[in-house]
Amino acid sequence: MSTISANDLKTKGVKAIEEALASQPEVAVSVRGQVKYIVMSEEQYQYLRECELEAALAESKADIDAGRFVKETVTQHVRRINKLNAKLVA
């Protein structure tokens, strides 16, 4: 992953980002020599969000398959959460 300095970004503006993203999906932005930000195209961001959602769905399916779930009414759920919260506060 290439890096754009904050100074380059200040002088070249968005063009510096566009040029860097032309050859790779993400670009680091450094401030005083340390990477502070990662910039990516909206398309890459949406792809990563989709990957996160797919991973969460797979995790949920694995939990269901393994029996790690609770089936309850809304009232039962609220009671259970309140009990858990009371334990955390105590």
Protein backbone atom coordinates (compact mmCIF):
# COMPACT_ATOMS: atom_id res chain seq x y z
CA MET A 1 0.00 0.00 0.00
CA SER A 2 1.43 3.34 -0.94
CA THR A 3 1.41 6.35 1.33
CA ILE A 4 0.48 9.94 0.66
CA SER A 5 1.82 12.52 3.06
CA ALA A 6 -0.58 15.05 4.52
CA ASN A 7 1.56 17.74 2.89
CA ASP A 8 1.11 16.14 -0.56
CA LEU A 9 -2.59 15.92 0.09
CA LYS A 10 -2.62 19.57 1.08
CA THR A 11 -0.82 20.69 -2.07
CA LYS A 12 -2.24 18.25 -4.64
CA GLY A 13 -5.68 17.74 -3.12
CA VAL A 14 -7.96 14.93 -4.24
CA LYS A 15 -5.83 14.39 -7.34
CA ALA A 16 -3.14 12.78 -5.15
CA ILE A 17 -5.70 10.29 -3.88
CA GLU A 18 -7.11 9.61 -7.33
CA GLU A 19 -3.64 8.93 -8.74
CA ALA A 20 -2.72 6.55 -5.92
CA LEU A 21 -6.05 4.70 -6.10
CA ALA A 22 -5.63 4.16 -9.84
CA SER A 23 -3.24 1.29 -9.12
CA GLN A 24 -4.43 -0.07 -5.77
CA PRO A 25 -7.59 -0.37 -3.65
CA GLU A 26 -6.38 1.56 -0.58
CA VAL A 27 -3.91 4.34 0.15
CA ALA A 28 -2.43 5.36 3.49
CA VAL A 29 -2.27 9.02 4.50
CA SER A 30 0.60 9.87 6.81
CA VAL A 31 0.80 12.79 9.19
CA ARG A 32 4.27 13.65 10.47
CA GLY A 33 5.56 10.31 9.21
CA GLN A 34 2.89 8.14 10.85
CA VAL A 35 -0.02 6.55 9.04
CA LYS A 36 -3.19 8.13 10.40
CA TYR A 37 -5.82 7.40 7.75
CA ILE A 38 -6.64 4.89 5.04
CA VAL A 39 -8.45 6.17 1.97
CA MET A 40 -10.35 3.98 -0.47
CA SER A 41 -12.85 4.31 -3.24
CA GLU A 42 -16.54 4.12 -2.43
CA GLU A 43 -16.67 0.90 -4.42
CA GLN A 44 -13.94 -0.68 -2.25
CA TYR A 45 -15.68 0.55 0.91
CA GLN A 46 -18.97 -1.07 -0.19
CA TYR A 47 -17.11 -4.30 -0.97
CA LEU A 48 -15.58 -4.37 2.52
CA ARG A 49 -18.96 -3.63 4.12
CA GLU A 50 -20.44 -6.55 2.17
CA CYS A 51 -17.63 -8.79 3.42
CA GLU A 52 -18.35 -7.72 7.01
CA LEU A 53 -22.05 -8.48 6.58
CA GLU A 54 -21.30 -11.88 5.01
CA ALA A 55 -18.99 -12.72 7.93
CA ALA A 56 -21.64 -11.67 10.45
CA LEU A 57 -24.23 -13.80 8.66
CA ALA A 58 -21.90 -16.82 8.65
CA GLU A 59 -21.23 -16.32 12.37
CA SER A 60 -24.95 -16.11 13.10
CA LYS A 61 -25.65 -19.27 11.10
CA ALA A 62 -22.86 -21.08 12.98
CA ASP A 63 -24.37 -19.96 16.30
CA ILE A 64 -27.79 -21.24 15.27
CA ASP A 65 -26.36 -24.55 14.07
CA ALA A 66 -24.49 -24.94 17.38
CA GLY A 67 -27.58 -24.09 19.44
CA ARG A 68 -26.14 -20.81 20.75
CA PHE A 69 -29.35 -18.81 20.67
CA VAL A 70 -32.32 -17.96 22.86
CA LYS A 71 -35.92 -18.13 21.75
CA GLU A 72 -38.10 -15.88 23.90
CA THR A 73 -40.82 -13.26 23.88
CA VAL A 74 -40.07 -9.55 23.96
CA THR A 75 -41.03 -9.41 27.64
CA GLN A 76 -38.74 -12.33 28.48
CA HIS A 77 -35.95 -10.74 26.51
CA VAL A 78 -36.28 -7.41 28.34
CA ARG A 79 -36.26 -9.20 31.72
CA ARG A 80 -33.15 -11.17 30.77
CA ILE A 81 -31.33 -8.04 29.60
CA ASN A 82 -32.31 -6.16 32.75
CA LYS A 83 -30.93 -9.00 34.88
CA LEU A 84 -27.68 -8.97 32.91
CA ASN A 85 -27.40 -5.20 33.31
CA ALA A 86 -28.07 -5.45 37.05
CA LYS A 87 -25.19 -7.95 37.37
CA LEU A 88 -22.86 -5.61 35.50
CA VAL A 89 -23.74 -2.65 37.72
CA ALA A 90 -23.38 -4.63 40.97
